[in-house]
Amino acid sequence: MGRTKADKKALRAERKEEQKRMNAGWVNVRKANEQENPLSVLPSFQKYNKGSLNVTFQTVKAADLDAETKDWIFKLLESNMKSLYEESDWGWCDKNKTKELFEDSAWYLIARNVDGKPVAYSHFRFDMDFDDDVVYCYEIQLESAYRRKGLGKLMMKMLELIMLKADMVKIMLTCFKHNEAASKFFKTCLRYE
């Protein structure tokens, strides 16, 4: 037996509602990407000074990064992650990673020390995940001297606030299962699922 008229009507209504949610999500994504500075709505998070950690933060689109910062971003990612990528099915390819890091839709939350030297970054994007508008965290990378001081957690919390201020549904990321330290950080420290 086929579907009844009522079943077909309900299915059409459901699809129409889903399309409406998708359209609203894309509006949020476009609006978020049109911002000059997503951090401007969080003025109390422009600087952080606690204990031995004294940093300033900025958000910047990949297209607006200077060559020196781009070089540092790639080198830090390569230093921290290349071996983990090589252990995975994905493998490591400089060209593909460079393309991903600096696509037009990429944003960066960058922490700089008192000398203005970058010490940590998160590569994120405002995007759609199926029918959900999301902040997708592609990378969070810290110089080794700045780890285990609360900076990574603070930066992820800042991304969560950026997500809320942009009216996004959720924050997302992927993490290698064989990266036990990162898995523990996201699951235990941040309580991500």
C-alpha atoms as a PDB file:
ATOM      1  CA  MET A   1       0.000   0.000   0.000  1.00  0.00           C
ATOM      2  CA  GLY A   2       1.131   3.511  -0.773  1.00  0.00           C
ATOM      3  CA  ARG A   3       1.064   6.614   1.316  1.00  0.00           C
ATOM      4  CA  THR A   4      -2.220   8.310   2.016  1.00  0.00           C
ATOM      5  CA  LYS A   5      -2.904  11.898   1.019  1.00  0.00           C
ATOM      6  CA  ALA A   6      -2.579  12.870   4.661  1.00  0.00           C
ATOM      7  CA  ASP A   7       0.839  11.160   4.884  1.00  0.00           C
ATOM      8  CA  LYS A   8       2.039  12.926   1.726  1.00  0.00           C
ATOM      9  CA  LYS A   9       0.757  16.269   2.997  1.00  0.00           C
ATOM     10  CA  ALA A  10       2.488  15.775   6.351  1.00  0.00           C
ATOM     11  CA  LEU A  11       5.733  14.838   4.583  1.00  0.00           C
ATOM     12  CA  ARG A  12       5.553  17.942   2.371  1.00  0.00           C
ATOM     13  CA  ALA A  13       4.909  20.118   5.427  1.00  0.00           C
ATOM     14  CA  GLU A  14       7.869  18.530   7.212  1.00  0.00           C
ATOM     15  CA  ARG A  15      10.168  19.128   4.227  1.00  0.00           C
ATOM     16  CA  LYS A  16       8.949  22.709   3.933  1.00  0.00           C
ATOM     17  CA  GLU A  17       9.688  23.313   7.626  1.00  0.00           C
ATOM     18  CA  GLU A  18      13.140  21.758   7.242  1.00  0.00           C
ATOM     19  CA  GLN A  19      13.856  24.014   4.245  1.00  0.00           C
ATOM     20  CA  LYS A  20      12.744  27.016   6.294  1.00  0.00           C
ATOM     21  CA  ARG A  21      15.198  26.069   9.082  1.00  0.00           C
ATOM     22  CA  MET A  22      17.979  25.617   6.520  1.00  0.00           C
ATOM     23  CA  ASN A  23      17.278  29.009   4.953  1.00  0.00           C
ATOM     24  CA  ALA A  24      17.264  30.678   8.381  1.00  0.00           C
ATOM     25  CA  GLY A  25      20.533  28.903   9.185  1.00  0.00           C
ATOM     26  CA  TRP A  26      22.209  30.163   6.015  1.00  0.00           C
ATOM     27  CA  VAL A  27      21.012  33.691   6.856  1.00  0.00           C
ATOM     28  CA  ASN A  28      22.756  33.365  10.255  1.00  0.00           C
ATOM     29  CA  VAL A  29      25.920  32.049   8.606  1.00  0.00           C
ATOM     30  CA  ARG A  30      26.020  34.916   6.104  1.00  0.00           C
ATOM     31  CA  LYS A  31      25.333  37.464   8.847  1.00  0.00           C
ATOM     32  CA  ALA A  32      28.084  36.008  11.044  1.00  0.00           C
ATOM     33  CA  ASN A  33      30.594  36.036   8.175  1.00  0.00           C
ATOM     34  CA  GLU A  34      29.797  39.668   7.383  1.00  0.00           C
ATOM     35  CA  GLN A  35      30.998  40.788  10.812  1.00  0.00           C
ATOM     36  CA  GLU A  36      34.167  42.834  10.899  1.00  0.00           C
ATOM     37  CA  ASN A  37      35.199  41.397  14.253  1.00  0.00           C
ATOM     38  CA  PRO A  38      33.200  38.691  16.072  1.00  0.00           C
ATOM     39  CA  LEU A  39      35.158  39.458  19.237  1.00  0.00           C
ATOM     40  CA  SER A  40      33.830  43.028  19.361  1.00  0.00           C
ATOM     41  CA  VAL A  41      30.644  41.773  21.051  1.00  0.00           C
ATOM     42  CA  LEU A  42      32.810  40.371  23.861  1.00  0.00           C
ATOM     43  CA  PRO A  43      34.819  43.400  25.043  1.00  0.00           C
ATOM     44  CA  SER A  44      35.810  41.793  28.352  1.00  0.00           C
ATOM     45  CA  PHE A  45      37.562  39.023  26.385  1.00  0.00           C
ATOM     46  CA  GLN A  46      39.969  41.250  24.456  1.00  0.00           C
ATOM     47  CA  LYS A  47      42.687  40.755  27.102  1.00  0.00           C
ATOM     48  CA  TYR A  48      43.461  38.108  29.687  1.00  0.00           C
ATOM     49  CA  ASN A  49      45.963  38.472  32.521  1.00  0.00           C
ATOM     50  CA  LYS A  50      46.039  35.792  35.202  1.00  0.00           C
ATOM     51  CA  GLY A  51      49.106  34.366  36.882  1.00  0.00           C
ATOM     52  CA  SER A  52      51.850  33.865  34.316  1.00  0.00           C
ATOM     53  CA  LEU A  53      49.404  34.188  31.425  1.00  0.00           C
ATOM     54  CA  ASN A  54      49.107  37.657  29.897  1.00  0.00           C
ATOM     55  CA  VAL A  55      47.631  37.692  26.382  1.00  0.00           C
ATOM     56  CA  THR A  56      45.470  39.762  24.071  1.00  0.00           C
ATOM     57  CA  PHE A  57      43.002  38.291  21.602  1.00  0.00           C
ATOM     58  CA  GLN A  58      41.912  39.161  18.109  1.00  0.00           C
ATOM     59  CA  THR A  59      39.615  37.620  15.526  1.00  0.00           C
ATOM     60  CA  VAL A  60      40.626  37.955  11.906  1.00  0.00           C
ATOM     61  CA  LYS A  61      39.554  36.470   8.580  1.00  0.00           C
ATOM     62  CA  ALA A  62      42.133  34.277   6.864  1.00  0.00           C
ATOM     63  CA  ALA A  63      42.271  36.663   3.895  1.00  0.00           C
ATOM     64  CA  ASP A  64      43.353  39.482   6.241  1.00  0.00           C
ATOM     65  CA  LEU A  65      46.232  37.618   7.891  1.00  0.00           C
ATOM     66  CA  ASP A  66      49.729  38.883   7.179  1.00  0.00           C
ATOM     67  CA  ALA A  67      52.275  36.500   5.663  1.00  0.00           C
ATOM     68  CA  GLU A  68      54.264  36.151   8.908  1.00  0.00           C
ATOM     69  CA  THR A  69      51.169  35.095  10.882  1.00  0.00           C
ATOM     70  CA  LYS A  70      50.118  32.663   8.137  1.00  0.00           C
ATOM     71  CA  ASP A  71      53.576  31.106   8.231  1.00  0.00           C
ATOM     72  CA  TRP A  72      53.424  30.771  12.029  1.00  0.00           C
ATOM     73  CA  ILE A  73      49.925  29.206  11.852  1.00  0.00           C
ATOM     74  CA  PHE A  74      51.058  26.550   9.384  1.00  0.00           C
ATOM     75  CA  LYS A  75      54.308  25.784  11.217  1.00  0.00           C
ATOM     76  CA  LEU A  76      52.541  25.415  14.586  1.00  0.00           C
ATOM     77  CA  LEU A  77      49.943  23.093  13.071  1.00  0.00           C
ATOM     78  CA  GLU A  78      52.652  21.054  11.369  1.00  0.00           C
ATOM     79  CA  SER A  79      54.709  20.838  14.565  1.00  0.00           C
ATOM     80  CA  ASN A  80      51.739  19.853  16.741  1.00  0.00           C
ATOM     81  CA  MET A  81      49.710  17.682  14.376  1.00  0.00           C
ATOM     82  CA  LYS A  82      51.652  16.281  11.410  1.00  0.00           C
ATOM     83  CA  SER A  83      52.522  12.989  13.114  1.00  0.00           C
ATOM     84  CA  LEU A  84      48.899  12.531  14.249  1.00  0.00           C
ATOM     85  CA  TYR A  85      47.659  13.101  10.694  1.00  0.00           C
ATOM     86  CA  GLU A  86      50.230  10.636   9.364  1.00  0.00           C
ATOM     87  CA  GLU A  87      48.943   8.004  11.815  1.00  0.00           C
ATOM     88  CA  SER A  88      45.391   8.515  10.537  1.00  0.00           C
ATOM     89  CA  ASP A  89      43.678   7.454   7.311  1.00  0.00           C
ATOM     90  CA  TRP A  90      43.689  11.131   6.247  1.00  0.00           C
ATOM     91  CA  GLY A  91      47.456  11.424   6.007  1.00  0.00           C
ATOM     92  CA  TRP A  92      49.309  14.734   5.794  1.00  0.00           C
ATOM     93  CA  CYS A  93      49.607  16.935   2.718  1.00  0.00           C
ATOM     94  CA  ASP A  94      51.122  20.424   3.026  1.00  0.00           C
ATOM     95  CA  LYS A  95      49.215  21.715   0.015  1.00  0.00           C
ATOM     96  CA  ASN A  96      45.796  20.484   1.231  1.00  0.00           C
ATOM     97  CA  LYS A  97      46.379  21.758   4.767  1.00  0.00           C
ATOM     98  CA  THR A  98      47.464  25.171   3.494  1.00  0.00           C
ATOM     99  CA  LYS A  99      44.368  25.409   1.307  1.00  0.00           C
ATOM    100  CA  GLU A 100      42.074  24.445   4.198  1.00  0.00           C
ATOM    101  CA  LEU A 101      43.725  26.832   6.645  1.00  0.00           C
ATOM    102  CA  PHE A 102      43.475  29.885   4.432  1.00  0.00           C
ATOM    103  CA  GLU A 103      40.180  29.488   2.554  1.00  0.00           C
ATOM    104  CA  ASP A 104      38.090  32.665   2.411  1.00  0.00           C
ATOM    105  CA  SER A 105      35.546  31.287   4.911  1.00  0.00           C
ATOM    106  CA  ALA A 106      38.198  30.674   7.590  1.00  0.00           C
ATOM    107  CA  TRP A 107      38.348  32.834  10.726  1.00  0.00           C
ATOM    108  CA  TYR A 108      41.050  32.928  13.390  1.00  0.00           C
ATOM    109  CA  LEU A 109      40.927  33.636  17.098  1.00  0.00           C
ATOM    110  CA  ILE A 110      44.548  34.493  17.892  1.00  0.00           C
ATOM    111  CA  ALA A 111      46.186  34.962  21.298  1.00  0.00           C
ATOM    112  CA  ARG A 112      49.306  37.148  21.437  1.00  0.00           C
ATOM    113  CA  ASN A 113      51.708  37.645  24.326  1.00  0.00           C
ATOM    114  CA  VAL A 114      52.737  41.065  25.691  1.00  0.00           C
ATOM    115  CA  ASP A 115      55.366  41.355  22.947  1.00  0.00           C
ATOM    116  CA  GLY A 116      52.684  40.876  20.275  1.00  0.00           C
ATOM    117  CA  LYS A 117      54.004  37.425  19.352  1.00  0.00           C
ATOM    118  CA  PRO A 118      51.243  34.910  18.500  1.00  0.00           C
ATOM    119  CA  VAL A 119      51.141  32.025  20.983  1.00  0.00           C
ATOM    120  CA  ALA A 120      47.840  30.243  20.221  1.00  0.00           C
ATOM    121  CA  TYR A 121      45.098  30.165  17.631  1.00  0.00           C
ATOM    122  CA  SER A 122      41.810  28.609  16.782  1.00  0.00           C
ATOM    123  CA  HIS A 123      40.810  28.203  13.144  1.00  0.00           C
ATOM    124  CA  PHE A 124      37.002  28.302  13.005  1.00  0.00           C
ATOM    125  CA  ARG A 125      34.188  28.876  10.556  1.00  0.00           C
ATOM    126  CA  PHE A 126      30.549  29.854  10.607  1.00  0.00           C
ATOM    127  CA  ASP A 127      28.929  27.059   8.609  1.00  0.00           C
ATOM    128  CA  MET A 128      26.035  24.648   8.208  1.00  0.00           C
ATOM    129  CA  ASP A 129      26.089  21.080   9.510  1.00  0.00           C
ATOM    130  CA  PHE A 130      23.135  19.455   7.776  1.00  0.00           C
ATOM    131  CA  ASP A 131      20.306  21.767   8.896  1.00  0.00           C
ATOM    132  CA  ASP A 132      22.115  23.330  11.880  1.00  0.00           C
ATOM    133  CA  ASP A 133      24.023  26.610  11.721  1.00  0.00           C
ATOM    134  CA  VAL A 134      27.231  26.084  13.652  1.00  0.00           C
ATOM    135  CA  VAL A 135      30.607  27.415  14.650  1.00  0.00           C
ATOM    136  CA  TYR A 136      32.951  24.704  13.461  1.00  0.00           C
ATOM    137  CA  CYS A 137      36.329  24.641  15.206  1.00  0.00           C
ATOM    138  CA  TYR A 138      38.807  23.205  12.708  1.00  0.00           C
ATOM    139  CA  GLU A 139      41.888  23.686  14.885  1.00  0.00           C
ATOM    140  CA  ILE A 140      42.981  24.898  18.267  1.00  0.00           C
ATOM    141  CA  GLN A 141      46.759  25.035  18.537  1.00  0.00           C
ATOM    142  CA  LEU A 142      48.949  26.379  21.322  1.00  0.00           C
ATOM    143  CA  GLU A 143      52.685  26.874  21.589  1.00  0.00           C
ATOM    144  CA  SER A 144      54.001  24.309  24.092  1.00  0.00           C
ATOM    145  CA  ALA A 145      54.983  26.971  26.658  1.00  0.00           C
ATOM    146  CA  TYR A 146      51.349  28.131  26.823  1.00  0.00           C
ATOM    147  CA  ARG A 147      49.716  24.742  27.393  1.00  0.00           C
ATOM    148  CA  ARG A 148      48.148  23.627  30.671  1.00  0.00           C
ATOM    149  CA  LYS A 149      47.571  27.208  31.818  1.00  0.00           C
ATOM    150  CA  GLY A 150      43.867  27.436  30.948  1.00  0.00           C
ATOM    151  CA  LEU A 151      44.394  29.224  27.630  1.00  0.00           C
ATOM    152  CA  GLY A 152      42.924  26.458  25.450  1.00  0.00           C
ATOM    153  CA  LYS A 153      39.854  26.183  27.652  1.00  0.00           C
ATOM    154  CA  LEU A 154      39.413  29.952  27.660  1.00  0.00           C
ATOM    155  CA  MET A 155      39.656  30.099  23.868  1.00  0.00           C
ATOM    156  CA  MET A 156      37.055  27.332  23.456  1.00  0.00           C
ATOM    157  CA  LYS A 157      34.743  29.164  25.868  1.00  0.00           C
ATOM    158  CA  MET A 158      35.257  32.315  23.795  1.00  0.00           C
ATOM    159  CA  LEU A 159      34.252  30.379  20.670  1.00  0.00           C
ATOM    160  CA  GLU A 160      31.136  29.192  22.509  1.00  0.00           C
ATOM    161  CA  LEU A 161      30.267  32.814  23.321  1.00  0.00           C
ATOM    162  CA  ILE A 162      30.930  33.873  19.726  1.00  0.00           C
ATOM    163  CA  MET A 163      28.568  31.077  18.681  1.00  0.00           C
ATOM    164  CA  LEU A 164      25.843  32.303  21.045  1.00  0.00           C
ATOM    165  CA  LYS A 165      26.241  35.950  19.999  1.00  0.00           C
ATOM    166  CA  ALA A 166      25.935  34.918  16.338  1.00  0.00           C
ATOM    167  CA  ASP A 167      22.714  32.965  17.100  1.00  0.00           C
ATOM    168  CA  MET A 168      24.274  29.703  15.962  1.00  0.00           C
ATOM    169  CA  VAL A 169      22.811  26.389  17.128  1.00  0.00           C
ATOM    170  CA  LYS A 170      25.997  24.701  18.336  1.00  0.00           C
ATOM    171  CA  ILE A 171      29.759  24.452  18.248  1.00  0.00           C
ATOM    172  CA  MET A 172      31.362  21.463  16.545  1.00  0.00           C
ATOM    173  CA  LEU A 173      34.801  19.977  16.070  1.00  0.00           C
ATOM    174  CA  THR A 174      36.503  16.754  15.150  1.00  0.00           C
ATOM    175  CA  CYS A 175      39.291  15.120  17.102  1.00  0.00           C
ATOM    176  CA  PHE A 176      41.444  12.119  16.283  1.00  0.00           C
ATOM    177  CA  LYS A 177      40.562   9.215  18.577  1.00  0.00           C
ATOM    178  CA  HIS A 178      44.269   8.406  18.845  1.00  0.00           C
ATOM    179  CA  ASN A 179      44.947  11.947  20.148  1.00  0.00           C
ATOM    180  CA  GLU A 180      44.256  10.974  23.747  1.00  0.00           C
ATOM    181  CA  ALA A 181      45.291  14.314  25.267  1.00  0.00           C
ATOM    182  CA  ALA A 182      42.918  16.270  23.002  1.00  0.00           C
ATOM    183  CA  SER A 183      40.086  13.766  23.514  1.00  0.00           C
ATOM    184  CA  LYS A 184      40.477  14.077  27.271  1.00  0.00           C
ATOM    185  CA  PHE A 185      40.552  17.889  27.015  1.00  0.00           C
ATOM    186  CA  PHE A 186      37.340  18.083  24.976  1.00  0.00           C
ATOM    187  CA  LYS A 187      35.426  15.344  26.811  1.00  0.00           C
ATOM    188  CA  THR A 188      36.556  15.868  30.394  1.00  0.00           C
ATOM    189  CA  CYS A 189      37.553  19.515  30.650  1.00  0.00           C
ATOM    190  CA  LEU A 190      34.932  20.978  28.287  1.00  0.00           C
ATOM    191  CA  ARG A 191      32.350  18.166  28.576  1.00  0.00           C
ATOM    192  CA  TYR A 192      31.857  17.918  24.828  1.00  0.00           C
ATOM    193  CA  GLU A 193      30.216  14.824  23.434  1.00  0.00           C
END
